[in-house]
Amino acid sequence: MSELDNQIPSAFDPFADANAEDSGAGTKEYVHVRIQQRNGRKSLTTVQGLKKEFSYSRILKDLKKEFCCNGTVVQDPELGQVIQLQGDQRKNVSTFLIQAGIVNKEQIKIHGF
């Protein structure tokens, strides 16, 4: 029986390191740009982690005008304020945030398929 116990692999969590990084223990705070699939080909782009001193409504207004899409600011109980945009705007949003001087390139994490 002990031979079988040695051969069975233990549970492995591939996201254990990522969760430790994102827990806020480090000095860097990241801005997460994600994509969520809606219906069929429809998708949402969410921007989370911007500093609270920025006006989310002003940033949203500029993003909507720049990329010709609709969007909203959502208040999430766990994540705080999150910007949602229609369509896959991950690259556009990341370049906009860098060019506007809101965040550095190293502070942006782009998630999605």
PDB file of N, CA and C in Angstrom:
ATOM      1  N   MET A   1       0.819  -1.185   0.000  1.00  0.00           N
ATOM      2  CA  MET A   1       0.000   0.000   0.000  1.00  0.00           C
ATOM      3  C   MET A   1       0.868   1.256   0.000  1.00  0.00           C
ATOM      4  N   SER A   2       2.023   1.195   0.630  1.00  0.00           N
ATOM      5  CA  SER A   2       2.889   2.365   0.673  1.00  0.00           C
ATOM      6  C   SER A   2       3.470   2.675  -0.701  1.00  0.00           C
ATOM      7  N   GLU A   3       3.649   1.638  -1.566  1.00  0.00           N
ATOM      8  CA  GLU A   3       4.142   1.885  -2.916  1.00  0.00           C
ATOM      9  C   GLU A   3       3.137   2.705  -3.722  1.00  0.00           C
ATOM     10  N   LEU A   4       1.844   2.436  -3.543  1.00  0.00           N
ATOM     11  CA  LEU A   4       0.818   3.191  -4.261  1.00  0.00           C
ATOM     12  C   LEU A   4       0.765   4.634  -3.782  1.00  0.00           C
ATOM     13  N   ASP A   5       0.956   4.839  -2.483  1.00  0.00           N
ATOM     14  CA  ASP A   5       0.935   6.194  -1.956  1.00  0.00           C
ATOM     15  C   ASP A   5       2.060   7.033  -2.531  1.00  0.00           C
ATOM     16  N   ASN A   6       3.209   6.401  -2.773  1.00  0.00           N
ATOM     17  CA  ASN A   6       4.338   7.124  -3.334  1.00  0.00           C
ATOM     18  C   ASN A   6       4.141   7.440  -4.811  1.00  0.00           C
ATOM     19  N   GLN A   7       3.361   6.630  -5.531  1.00  0.00           N
ATOM     20  CA  GLN A   7       3.183   6.827  -6.958  1.00  0.00           C
ATOM     21  C   GLN A   7       2.080   7.825  -7.287  1.00  0.00           C
ATOM     22  N   ILE A   8       1.139   8.040  -6.372  1.00  0.00           N
ATOM     23  CA  ILE A   8       0.048   8.964  -6.634  1.00  0.00           C
ATOM     24  C   ILE A   8       0.562  10.386  -6.426  1.00  0.00           C
ATOM     25  N   PRO A   9       0.482  11.194  -7.458  1.00  0.00           N
ATOM     26  CA  PRO A   9       0.982  12.572  -7.301  1.00  0.00           C
ATOM     27  C   PRO A   9       0.060  13.385  -6.397  1.00  0.00           C
ATOM     28  N   SER A  10       0.656  14.289  -5.688  1.00  0.00           N
ATOM     29  CA  SER A  10      -0.140  15.158  -4.834  1.00  0.00           C
ATOM     30  C   SER A  10      -0.801  16.235  -5.684  1.00  0.00           C
ATOM     31  N   ALA A  11      -1.759  16.911  -5.122  1.00  0.00           N
ATOM     32  CA  ALA A  11      -2.471  17.956  -5.847  1.00  0.00           C
ATOM     33  C   ALA A  11      -1.514  19.114  -6.114  1.00  0.00           C
ATOM     34  N   PHE A  12      -1.549  19.596  -7.339  1.00  0.00           N
ATOM     35  CA  PHE A  12      -0.669  20.687  -7.746  1.00  0.00           C
ATOM     36  C   PHE A  12      -1.522  21.868  -8.156  1.00  0.00           C
ATOM     37  N   ASP A  13      -1.221  23.018  -7.615  1.00  0.00           N
ATOM     38  CA  ASP A  13      -1.952  24.240  -7.952  1.00  0.00           C
ATOM     39  C   ASP A  13      -1.069  25.094  -8.850  1.00  0.00           C
ATOM     40  N   PRO A  14      -1.373  25.144 -10.175  1.00  0.00           N
ATOM     41  CA  PRO A  14      -0.515  25.911 -11.079  1.00  0.00           C
ATOM     42  C   PRO A  14      -0.612  27.414 -10.870  1.00  0.00           C
ATOM     43  N   PHE A  15      -1.677  27.880 -10.201  1.00  0.00           N
ATOM     44  CA  PHE A  15      -1.858  29.308  -9.990  1.00  0.00           C
ATOM     45  C   PHE A  15      -1.403  29.758  -8.606  1.00  0.00           C
ATOM     46  N   ALA A  16      -0.733  28.909  -7.856  1.00  0.00           N
ATOM     47  CA  ALA A  16      -0.308  29.273  -6.513  1.00  0.00           C
ATOM     48  C   ALA A  16       0.661  30.448  -6.541  1.00  0.00           C
ATOM     49  N   ASP A  17       1.612  30.438  -7.477  1.00  0.00           N
ATOM     50  CA  ASP A  17       2.564  31.548  -7.581  1.00  0.00           C
ATOM     51  C   ASP A  17       1.875  32.822  -8.037  1.00  0.00           C
ATOM     52  N   ALA A  18       0.955  32.719  -8.970  1.00  0.00           N
ATOM     53  CA  ALA A  18       0.250  33.900  -9.470  1.00  0.00           C
ATOM     54  C   ALA A  18      -0.610  34.512  -8.378  1.00  0.00           C
ATOM     55  N   ASN A  19      -1.257  33.681  -7.573  1.00  0.00           N
ATOM     56  CA  ASN A  19      -2.083  34.196  -6.489  1.00  0.00           C
ATOM     57  C   ASN A  19      -1.238  34.885  -5.434  1.00  0.00           C
ATOM     58  N   ALA A  20      -0.043  34.380  -5.198  1.00  0.00           N
ATOM     59  CA  ALA A  20       0.845  35.009  -4.220  1.00  0.00           C
ATOM     60  C   ALA A  20       1.307  36.373  -4.728  1.00  0.00           C
ATOM     61  N   GLU A  21       1.537  36.490  -6.040  1.00  0.00           N
ATOM     62  CA  GLU A  21       1.960  37.771  -6.606  1.00  0.00           C
ATOM     63  C   GLU A  21       0.849  38.798  -6.564  1.00  0.00           C
ATOM     64  N   ASP A  22      -0.369  38.387  -6.893  1.00  0.00           N
ATOM     65  CA  ASP A  22      -1.483  39.318  -7.013  1.00  0.00           C
ATOM     66  C   ASP A  22      -2.139  39.650  -5.682  1.00  0.00           C
ATOM     67  N   SER A  23      -1.676  39.059  -4.594  1.00  0.00           N
ATOM     68  CA  SER A  23      -2.334  39.273  -3.312  1.00  0.00           C
ATOM     69  C   SER A  23      -2.035  40.654  -2.730  1.00  0.00           C
ATOM     70  N   GLY A  24      -1.144  41.401  -3.342  1.00  0.00           N
ATOM     71  CA  GLY A  24      -0.833  42.728  -2.839  1.00  0.00           C
ATOM     72  C   GLY A  24       0.378  42.730  -1.930  1.00  0.00           C
ATOM     73  N   ALA A  25       1.055  41.590  -1.800  1.00  0.00           N
ATOM     74  CA  ALA A  25       2.218  41.516  -0.933  1.00  0.00           C
ATOM     75  C   ALA A  25       3.394  42.285  -1.529  1.00  0.00           C
ATOM     76  N   GLY A  26       3.433  42.392  -2.872  1.00  0.00           N
ATOM     77  CA  GLY A  26       4.512  43.118  -3.533  1.00  0.00           C
ATOM     78  C   GLY A  26       4.281  44.616  -3.489  1.00  0.00           C
ATOM     79  N   THR A  27       5.268  45.354  -3.957  1.00  0.00           N
ATOM     80  CA  THR A  27       5.148  46.804  -3.942  1.00  0.00           C
ATOM     81  C   THR A  27       4.407  47.322  -5.173  1.00  0.00           C
ATOM     82  N   LYS A  28       4.371  46.535  -6.259  1.00  0.00           N
ATOM     83  CA  LYS A  28       3.718  46.984  -7.481  1.00  0.00           C
ATOM     84  C   LYS A  28       2.226  46.699  -7.408  1.00  0.00           C
ATOM     85  N   GLU A  29       1.455  47.643  -7.899  1.00  0.00           N
ATOM     86  CA  GLU A  29       0.028  47.421  -8.058  1.00  0.00           C
ATOM     87  C   GLU A  29      -0.251  47.377  -9.544  1.00  0.00           C
ATOM     88  N   TYR A  30      -0.918  46.335  -9.972  1.00  0.00           N
ATOM     89  CA  TYR A  30      -1.143  46.115 -11.388  1.00  0.00           C
ATOM     90  C   TYR A  30      -2.516  46.602 -11.817  1.00  0.00           C
ATOM     91  N   VAL A  31      -2.600  46.976 -13.085  1.00  0.00           N
ATOM     92  CA  VAL A  31      -3.866  47.271 -13.725  1.00  0.00           C
ATOM     93  C   VAL A  31      -4.174  46.072 -14.609  1.00  0.00           C
ATOM     94  N   HIS A  32      -5.288  45.411 -14.338  1.00  0.00           N
ATOM     95  CA  HIS A  32      -5.657  44.203 -15.059  1.00  0.00           C
ATOM     96  C   HIS A  32      -6.642  44.558 -16.160  1.00  0.00           C
ATOM     97  N   VAL A  33      -6.305  44.169 -17.387  1.00  0.00           N
ATOM     98  CA  VAL A  33      -7.175  44.365 -18.538  1.00  0.00           C
ATOM     99  C   VAL A  33      -7.612  42.983 -18.990  1.00  0.00           C
ATOM    100  N   ARG A  34      -8.914  42.706 -18.865  1.00  0.00           N
ATOM    101  CA  ARG A  34      -9.437  41.378 -19.149  1.00  0.00           C
ATOM    102  C   ARG A  34     -10.499  41.442 -20.238  1.00  0.00           C
ATOM    103  N   ILE A  35     -10.760  40.282 -20.826  1.00  0.00           N
ATOM    104  CA  ILE A  35     -11.852  40.143 -21.781  1.00  0.00           C
ATOM    105  C   ILE A  35     -12.792  39.082 -21.249  1.00  0.00           C
ATOM    106  N   GLN A  36     -14.093  39.345 -21.379  1.00  0.00           N
ATOM    107  CA  GLN A  36     -15.114  38.384 -20.966  1.00  0.00           C
ATOM    108  C   GLN A  36     -16.009  38.109 -22.160  1.00  0.00           C
ATOM    109  N   GLN A  37     -16.268  36.836 -22.406  1.00  0.00           N
ATOM    110  CA  GLN A  37     -17.137  36.458 -23.511  1.00  0.00           C
ATOM    111  C   GLN A  37     -18.589  36.622 -23.114  1.00  0.00           C
ATOM    112  N   ARG A  38     -19.383  37.225 -23.974  1.00  0.00           N
ATOM    113  CA  ARG A  38     -20.820  37.392 -23.722  1.00  0.00           C
ATOM    114  C   ARG A  38     -21.585  36.382 -24.565  1.00  0.00           C
ATOM    115  N   ASN A  39     -22.278  36.835 -25.567  1.00  0.00           N
ATOM    116  CA  ASN A  39     -23.085  35.968 -26.432  1.00  0.00           C
ATOM    117  C   ASN A  39     -22.405  35.834 -27.787  1.00  0.00           C
ATOM    118  N   GLY A  40     -22.147  34.607 -28.191  1.00  0.00           N
ATOM    119  CA  GLY A  40     -21.573  34.383 -29.515  1.00  0.00           C
ATOM    120  C   GLY A  40     -20.250  35.094 -29.699  1.00  0.00           C
ATOM    121  N   ARG A  41     -20.228  36.081 -30.582  1.00  0.00           N
ATOM    122  CA  ARG A  41     -18.993  36.820 -30.854  1.00  0.00           C
ATOM    123  C   ARG A  41     -18.875  38.078 -30.012  1.00  0.00           C
ATOM    124  N   LYS A  42     -19.851  38.367 -29.195  1.00  0.00           N
ATOM    125  CA  LYS A  42     -19.847  39.583 -28.384  1.00  0.00           C
ATOM    126  C   LYS A  42     -18.933  39.399 -27.172  1.00  0.00           C
ATOM    127  N   SER A  43     -18.253  40.470 -26.793  1.00  0.00           N
ATOM    128  CA  SER A  43     -17.345  40.387 -25.641  1.00  0.00           C
ATOM    129  C   SER A  43     -17.298  41.729 -24.920  1.00  0.00           C
ATOM    130  N   LEU A  44     -16.784  41.680 -23.699  1.00  0.00           N
ATOM    131  CA  LEU A  44     -16.591  42.864 -22.865  1.00  0.00           C
ATOM    132  C   LEU A  44     -15.123  42.958 -22.493  1.00  0.00           C
ATOM    133  N   THR A  45     -14.606  44.160 -22.439  1.00  0.00           N
ATOM    134  CA  THR A  45     -13.257  44.400 -21.930  1.00  0.00           C
ATOM    135  C   THR A  45     -13.390  45.112 -20.596  1.00  0.00           C
ATOM    136  N   THR A  46     -12.732  44.584 -19.557  1.00  0.00           N
ATOM    137  CA  THR A  46     -12.804  45.207 -18.237  1.00  0.00           C
ATOM    138  C   THR A  46     -11.423  45.703 -17.832  1.00  0.00           C
ATOM    139  N   VAL A  47     -11.399  46.862 -17.189  1.00  0.00           N
ATOM    140  CA  VAL A  47     -10.165  47.470 -16.694  1.00  0.00           C
ATOM    141  C   VAL A  47     -10.316  47.612 -15.192  1.00  0.00           C
ATOM    142  N   GLN A  48      -9.432  46.971 -14.454  1.00  0.00           N
ATOM    143  CA  GLN A  48      -9.514  46.945 -12.999  1.00  0.00           C
ATOM    144  C   GLN A  48      -8.153  47.302 -12.406  1.00  0.00           C
ATOM    145  N   GLY A  49      -8.176  48.049 -11.317  1.00  0.00           N
ATOM    146  CA  GLY A  49      -6.946  48.316 -10.590  1.00  0.00           C
ATOM    147  C   GLY A  49      -6.370  49.695 -10.788  1.00  0.00           C
ATOM    148  N   LEU A  50      -7.104  50.593 -11.431  1.00  0.00           N
ATOM    149  CA  LEU A  50      -6.617  51.964 -11.544  1.00  0.00           C
ATOM    150  C   LEU A  50      -6.640  52.625 -10.171  1.00  0.00           C
ATOM    151  N   LYS A  51      -5.776  53.584  -9.970  1.00  0.00           N
ATOM    152  CA  LYS A  51      -5.725  54.265  -8.673  1.00  0.00           C
ATOM    153  C   LYS A  51      -7.007  55.052  -8.441  1.00  0.00           C
ATOM    154  N   LYS A  52      -7.357  55.204  -7.185  1.00  0.00           N
ATOM    155  CA  LYS A  52      -8.626  55.846  -6.829  1.00  0.00           C
ATOM    156  C   LYS A  52      -8.616  57.350  -7.086  1.00  0.00           C
ATOM    157  N   GLU A  53      -7.445  57.965  -7.197  1.00  0.00           N
ATOM    158  CA  GLU A  53      -7.417  59.417  -7.406  1.00  0.00           C
ATOM    159  C   GLU A  53      -7.792  59.811  -8.835  1.00  0.00           C
ATOM    160  N   PHE A  54      -7.823  58.840  -9.756  1.00  0.00           N
ATOM    161  CA  PHE A  54      -8.240  59.130 -11.125  1.00  0.00           C
ATOM    162  C   PHE A  54      -9.755  59.151 -11.208  1.00  0.00           C
ATOM    163  N   SER A  55     -10.266  59.995 -12.080  1.00  0.00           N
ATOM    164  CA  SER A  55     -11.706  60.061 -12.321  1.00  0.00           C
ATOM    165  C   SER A  55     -12.067  58.989 -13.357  1.00  0.00           C
ATOM    166  N   TYR A  56     -12.749  57.956 -12.898  1.00  0.00           N
ATOM    167  CA  TYR A  56     -13.099  56.853 -13.781  1.00  0.00           C
ATOM    168  C   TYR A  56     -14.034  57.321 -14.892  1.00  0.00           C
ATOM    169  N   SER A  57     -14.934  58.232 -14.580  1.00  0.00           N
ATOM    170  CA  SER A  57     -15.881  58.694 -15.594  1.00  0.00           C
ATOM    171  C   SER A  57     -15.175  59.480 -16.699  1.00  0.00           C
ATOM    172  N   ARG A  58     -14.152  60.250 -16.352  1.00  0.00           N
ATOM    173  CA  ARG A  58     -13.404  61.006 -17.373  1.00  0.00           C
ATOM    174  C   ARG A  58     -12.590  60.054 -18.253  1.00  0.00           C
ATOM    175  N   ILE A  59     -11.969  59.057 -17.632  1.00  0.00           N
ATOM    176  CA  ILE A  59     -11.203  58.073 -18.406  1.00  0.00           C
ATOM    177  C   ILE A  59     -12.138  57.314 -19.339  1.00  0.00           C
ATOM    178  N   LEU A  60     -13.302  56.917 -18.814  1.00  0.00           N
ATOM    179  CA  LEU A  60     -14.277  56.194 -19.627  1.00  0.00           C
ATOM    180  C   LEU A  60     -14.748  57.039 -20.803  1.00  0.00           C
ATOM    181  N   LYS A  61     -14.996  58.311 -20.564  1.00  0.00           N
ATOM    182  CA  LYS A  61     -15.453  59.206 -21.628  1.00  0.00           C
ATOM    183  C   LYS A  61     -14.413  59.283 -22.744  1.00  0.00           C
ATOM    184  N   ASP A  62     -13.133  59.409 -22.375  1.00  0.00           N
ATOM    185  CA  ASP A  62     -12.069  59.474 -23.378  1.00  0.00           C
ATOM    186  C   ASP A  62     -11.912  58.142 -24.119  1.00  0.00           C
ATOM    187  N   LEU A  63     -12.036  57.016 -23.394  1.00  0.00           N
ATOM    188  CA  LEU A  63     -11.923  55.705 -24.030  1.00  0.00           C
ATOM    189  C   LEU A  63     -13.053  55.489 -25.031  1.00  0.00           C
ATOM    190  N   LYS A  64     -14.266  55.858 -24.652  1.00  0.00           N
ATOM    191  CA  LYS A  64     -15.413  55.684 -25.536  1.00  0.00           C
ATOM    192  C   LYS A  64     -15.270  56.519 -26.801  1.00  0.00           C
ATOM    193  N   LYS A  65     -14.792  57.747 -26.649  1.00  0.00           N
ATOM    194  CA  LYS A  65     -14.633  58.630 -27.803  1.00  0.00           C
ATOM    195  C   LYS A  65     -13.504  58.148 -28.704  1.00  0.00           C
ATOM    196  N   GLU A  66     -12.418  57.676 -28.106  1.00  0.00           N
ATOM    197  CA  GLU A  66     -11.248  57.250 -28.872  1.00  0.00           C
ATOM    198  C   GLU A  66     -11.518  55.978 -29.674  1.00  0.00           C
ATOM    199  N   PHE A  67     -12.225  55.008 -29.094  1.00  0.00           N
ATOM    200  CA  PHE A  67     -12.384  53.695 -29.718  1.00  0.00           C
ATOM    201  C   PHE A  67     -13.778  53.469 -30.302  1.00  0.00           C
ATOM    202  N   CYS A  68     -14.643  54.482 -30.281  1.00  0.00           N
ATOM    203  CA  CYS A  68     -15.992  54.391 -30.867  1.00  0.00           C
ATOM    204  C   CYS A  68     -16.743  53.166 -30.342  1.00  0.00           C
ATOM    205  N   CYS A  69     -16.805  53.048 -29.027  1.00  0.00           N
ATOM    206  CA  CYS A  69     -17.530  51.944 -28.409  1.00  0.00           C
ATOM    207  C   CYS A  69     -18.276  52.481 -27.199  1.00  0.00           C
ATOM    208  N   ASN A  70     -19.180  51.686 -26.676  1.00  0.00           N
ATOM    209  CA  ASN A  70     -19.923  52.071 -25.497  1.00  0.00           C
ATOM    210  C   ASN A  70     -19.268  51.446 -24.268  1.00  0.00           C
ATOM    211  N   GLY A  71     -19.555  51.994 -23.096  1.00  0.00           N
ATOM    212  CA  GLY A  71     -18.980  51.460 -21.885  1.00  0.00           C
ATOM    213  C   GLY A  71     -19.646  52.033 -20.658  1.00  0.00           C
ATOM    214  N   THR A  72     -19.239  51.514 -19.497  1.00  0.00           N
ATOM    215  CA  THR A  72     -19.799  51.953 -18.233  1.00  0.00           C
ATOM    216  C   THR A  72     -18.799  51.705 -17.112  1.00  0.00           C
ATOM    217  N   VAL A  73     -19.045  52.376 -15.992  1.00  0.00           N
ATOM    218  CA  VAL A  73     -18.264  52.139 -14.779  1.00  0.00           C
ATOM    219  C   VAL A  73     -19.147  51.352 -13.828  1.00  0.00           C
ATOM    220  N   VAL A  74     -18.668  50.182 -13.377  1.00  0.00           N
ATOM    221  CA  VAL A  74     -19.438  49.298 -12.519  1.00  0.00           C
ATOM    222  C   VAL A  74     -18.807  49.282 -11.138  1.00  0.00           C
ATOM    223  N   GLN A  75     -19.616  49.383 -10.104  1.00  0.00           N
ATOM    224  CA  GLN A  75     -19.139  49.290  -8.728  1.00  0.00           C
ATOM    225  C   GLN A  75     -19.261  47.842  -8.274  1.00  0.00           C
ATOM    226  N   ASP A  76     -18.136  47.184  -8.060  1.00  0.00           N
ATOM    227  CA  ASP A  76     -18.108  45.796  -7.621  1.00  0.00           C
ATOM    228  C   ASP A  76     -17.764  45.760  -6.144  1.00  0.00           C
ATOM    229  N   PRO A  77     -18.457  44.953  -5.332  1.00  0.00           N
ATOM    230  CA  PRO A  77     -18.173  44.949  -3.892  1.00  0.00           C
ATOM    231  C   PRO A  77     -16.766  44.459  -3.540  1.00  0.00           C
ATOM    232  N   GLU A  78     -16.214  43.526  -4.336  1.00  0.00           N
ATOM    233  CA  GLU A  78     -14.882  42.991  -4.037  1.00  0.00           C
ATOM    234  C   GLU A  78     -13.774  43.787  -4.722  1.00  0.00           C
ATOM    235  N   LEU A  79     -13.998  44.182  -5.970  1.00  0.00           N
ATOM    236  CA  LEU A  79     -12.937  44.781  -6.781  1.00  0.00           C
ATOM    237  C   LEU A  79     -12.951  46.303  -6.790  1.00  0.00           C
ATOM    238  N   GLY A  80     -14.016  46.912  -6.300  1.00  0.00           N
ATOM    239  CA  GLY A  80     -14.128  48.357  -6.359  1.00  0.00           C
ATOM    240  C   GLY A  80     -14.707  48.771  -7.692  1.00  0.00           C
ATOM    241  N   GLN A  81     -14.250  49.898  -8.226  1.00  0.00           N
ATOM    242  CA  GLN A  81     -14.765  50.372  -9.500  1.00  0.00           C
ATOM    243  C   GLN A  81     -14.036  49.691 -10.653  1.00  0.00           C
ATOM    244  N   VAL A  82     -14.822  49.257 -11.642  1.00  0.00           N
ATOM    245  CA  VAL A  82     -14.297  48.566 -12.815  1.00  0.00           C
ATOM    246  C   VAL A  82     -14.875  49.237 -14.048  1.00  0.00           C
ATOM    247  N   ILE A  83     -14.032  49.508 -15.034  1.00  0.00           N
ATOM    248  CA  ILE A  83     -14.481  50.075 -16.302  1.00  0.00           C
ATOM    249  C   ILE A  83     -14.785  48.928 -17.258  1.00  0.00           C
ATOM    250  N   GLN A  84     -15.965  48.940 -17.865  1.00  0.00           N
ATOM    251  CA  GLN A  84     -16.344  47.936 -18.855  1.00  0.00           C
ATOM    252  C   GLN A  84     -16.529  48.616 -20.198  1.00  0.00           C
ATOM    253  N   LEU A  85     -15.969  48.019 -21.249  1.00  0.00           N
ATOM    254  CA  LEU A  85     -16.106  48.521 -22.616  1.00  0.00           C
ATOM    255  C   LEU A  85     -16.620  47.410 -23.514  1.00  0.00           C
ATOM    256  N   GLN A  86     -17.383  47.770 -24.532  1.00  0.00           N
ATOM    257  CA  GLN A  86     -17.874  46.781 -25.479  1.00  0.00           C
ATOM    258  C   GLN A  86     -16.764  46.382 -26.432  1.00  0.00           C
ATOM    259  N   GLY A  87     -16.706  45.102 -26.746  1.00  0.00           N
ATOM    260  CA  GLY A  87     -15.749  44.597 -27.726  1.00  0.00           C
ATOM    261  C   GLY A  87     -14.409  44.250 -27.108  1.00  0.00           C
ATOM    262  N   ASP A  88     -13.526  43.745 -27.943  1.00  0.00           N
ATOM    263  CA  ASP A  88     -12.174  43.370 -27.518  1.00  0.00           C
ATOM    264  C   ASP A  88     -11.273  44.594 -27.680  1.00  0.00           C
ATOM    265  N   GLN A  89     -11.081  45.335 -26.619  1.00  0.00           N
ATOM    266  CA  GLN A  89     -10.296  46.575 -26.642  1.00  0.00           C
ATOM    267  C   GLN A  89      -9.018  46.454 -25.801  1.00  0.00           C
ATOM    268  N   ARG A  90      -8.528  45.239 -25.575  1.00  0.00           N
ATOM    269  CA  ARG A  90      -7.389  45.051 -24.666  1.00  0.00           C
ATOM    270  C   ARG A  90      -6.154  45.821 -25.108  1.00  0.00           C
ATOM    271  N   LYS A  91      -5.744  45.667 -26.351  1.00  0.00           N
ATOM    272  CA  LYS A  91      -4.539  46.356 -26.828  1.00  0.00           C
ATOM    273  C   LYS A  91      -4.758  47.857 -26.879  1.00  0.00           C
ATOM    274  N   ASN A  92      -5.938  48.268 -27.331  1.00  0.00           N
ATOM    275  CA  ASN A  92      -6.231  49.700 -27.421  1.00  0.00           C
ATOM    276  C   ASN A  92      -6.180  50.361 -26.049  1.00  0.00           C
ATOM    277  N   VAL A  93      -6.786  49.719 -25.056  1.00  0.00           N
ATOM    278  CA  VAL A  93      -6.837  50.295 -23.710  1.00  0.00           C
ATOM    279  C   VAL A  93      -5.437  50.369 -23.111  1.00  0.00           C
ATOM    280  N   SER A  94      -4.650  49.314 -23.293  1.00  0.00           N
ATOM    281  CA  SER A  94      -3.305  49.322 -22.715  1.00  0.00           C
ATOM    282  C   SER A  94      -2.435  50.417 -23.333  1.00  0.00           C
ATOM    283  N   THR A  95      -2.488  50.592 -24.654  1.00  0.00           N
ATOM    284  CA  THR A  95      -1.697  51.657 -25.268  1.00  0.00           C
ATOM    285  C   THR A  95      -2.220  53.032 -24.867  1.00  0.00           C
ATOM    286  N   PHE A  96      -3.536  53.178 -24.723  1.00  0.00           N
ATOM    287  CA  PHE A  96      -4.108  54.459 -24.305  1.00  0.00           C
ATOM    288  C   PHE A  96      -3.643  54.824 -22.894  1.00  0.00           C
ATOM    289  N   LEU A  97      -3.678  53.859 -21.971  1.00  0.00           N
ATOM    290  CA  LEU A  97      -3.281  54.136 -20.592  1.00  0.00           C
ATOM    291  C   LEU A  97      -1.796  54.494 -20.492  1.00  0.00           C
ATOM    292  N   ILE A  98      -0.976  53.878 -21.326  1.00  0.00           N
ATOM    293  CA  ILE A  98       0.457  54.165 -21.311  1.00  0.00           C
ATOM    294  C   ILE A  98       0.726  55.555 -21.909  1.00  0.00           C
ATOM    295  N   GLN A  99       0.091  55.857 -23.040  1.00  0.00           N
ATOM    296  CA  GLN A  99       0.312  57.148 -23.700  1.00  0.00           C
ATOM    297  C   GLN A  99      -0.235  58.309 -22.881  1.00  0.00           C
ATOM    298  N   ALA A 100      -1.325  58.075 -22.142  1.00  0.00           N
ATOM    299  CA  ALA A 100      -1.900  59.132 -21.314  1.00  0.00           C
ATOM    300  C   ALA A 100      -1.098  59.341 -20.036  1.00  0.00           C
ATOM    301  N   GLY A 101      -0.179  58.441 -19.721  1.00  0.00           N
ATOM    302  CA  GLY A 101       0.644  58.580 -18.531  1.00  0.00           C
ATOM    303  C   GLY A 101      -0.064  58.145 -17.255  1.00  0.00           C
ATOM    304  N   ILE A 102      -1.115  57.363 -17.386  1.00  0.00           N
ATOM    305  CA  ILE A 102      -1.857  56.905 -16.207  1.00  0.00           C
ATOM    306  C   ILE A 102      -1.102  55.787 -15.505  1.00  0.00           C
ATOM    307  N   VAL A 103      -0.530  54.853 -16.285  1.00  0.00           N
ATOM    308  CA  VAL A 103       0.248  53.749 -15.726  1.00  0.00           C
ATOM    309  C   VAL A 103       1.493  53.534 -16.578  1.00  0.00           C
ATOM    310  N   ASN A 104       2.446  52.791 -16.027  1.00  0.00           N
ATOM    311  CA  ASN A 104       3.634  52.395 -16.771  1.00  0.00           C
ATOM    312  C   ASN A 104       3.361  51.077 -17.479  1.00  0.00           C
ATOM    313  N   LYS A 105       4.196  50.757 -18.448  1.00  0.00           N
ATOM    314  CA  LYS A 105       4.016  49.526 -19.215  1.00  0.00           C
ATOM    315  C   LYS A 105       4.174  48.295 -18.329  1.00  0.00           C
ATOM    316  N   GLU A 106       5.024  48.380 -17.312  1.00  0.00           N
ATOM    317  CA  GLU A 106       5.275  47.239 -16.438  1.00  0.00           C
ATOM    318  C   GLU A 106       4.111  46.972 -15.494  1.00  0.00           C
ATOM    319  N   GLN A 107       3.226  47.927 -15.325  1.00  0.00           N
ATOM    320  CA  GLN A 107       2.124  47.783 -14.381  1.00  0.00           C
ATOM    321  C   GLN A 107       0.871  47.188 -15.016  1.00  0.00           C
ATOM    322  N   ILE A 108       0.866  46.968 -16.309  1.00  0.00           N
ATOM    323  CA  ILE A 108      -0.332  46.459 -16.992  1.00  0.00           C
ATOM    324  C   ILE A 108      -0.187  44.951 -17.209  1.00  0.00           C
ATOM    325  N   LYS A 109      -1.251  44.225 -16.825  1.00  0.00           N
ATOM    326  CA  LYS A 109      -1.338  42.791 -17.117  1.00  0.00           C
ATOM    327  C   LYS A 109      -2.555  42.586 -17.988  1.00  0.00           C
ATOM    328  N   ILE A 110      -2.323  41.994 -19.164  1.00  0.00           N
ATOM    329  CA  ILE A 110      -3.413  41.721 -20.097  1.00  0.00           C
ATOM    330  C   ILE A 110      -3.775  40.251 -19.986  1.00  0.00           C
ATOM    331  N   HIS A 111      -5.046  39.981 -19.696  1.00  0.00           N
ATOM    332  CA  HIS A 111      -5.544  38.617 -19.551  1.00  0.00           C
ATOM    333  C   HIS A 111      -6.485  38.306 -20.700  1.00  0.00           C
ATOM    334  N   GLY A 112      -6.715  37.022 -20.934  1.00  0.00           N
ATOM    335  CA  GLY A 112      -7.686  36.628 -21.941  1.00  0.00           C
ATOM    336  C   GLY A 112      -7.164  35.522 -22.822  1.00  0.00           C
ATOM    337  N   PHE A 113      -7.981  35.154 -23.752  1.00  0.00           N
ATOM    338  CA  PHE A 113      -7.638  34.056 -24.656  1.00  0.00           C
ATOM    339  C   PHE A 113      -6.926  34.636 -25.805  1.00  0.00           C
TER     340      PHE A 113
END
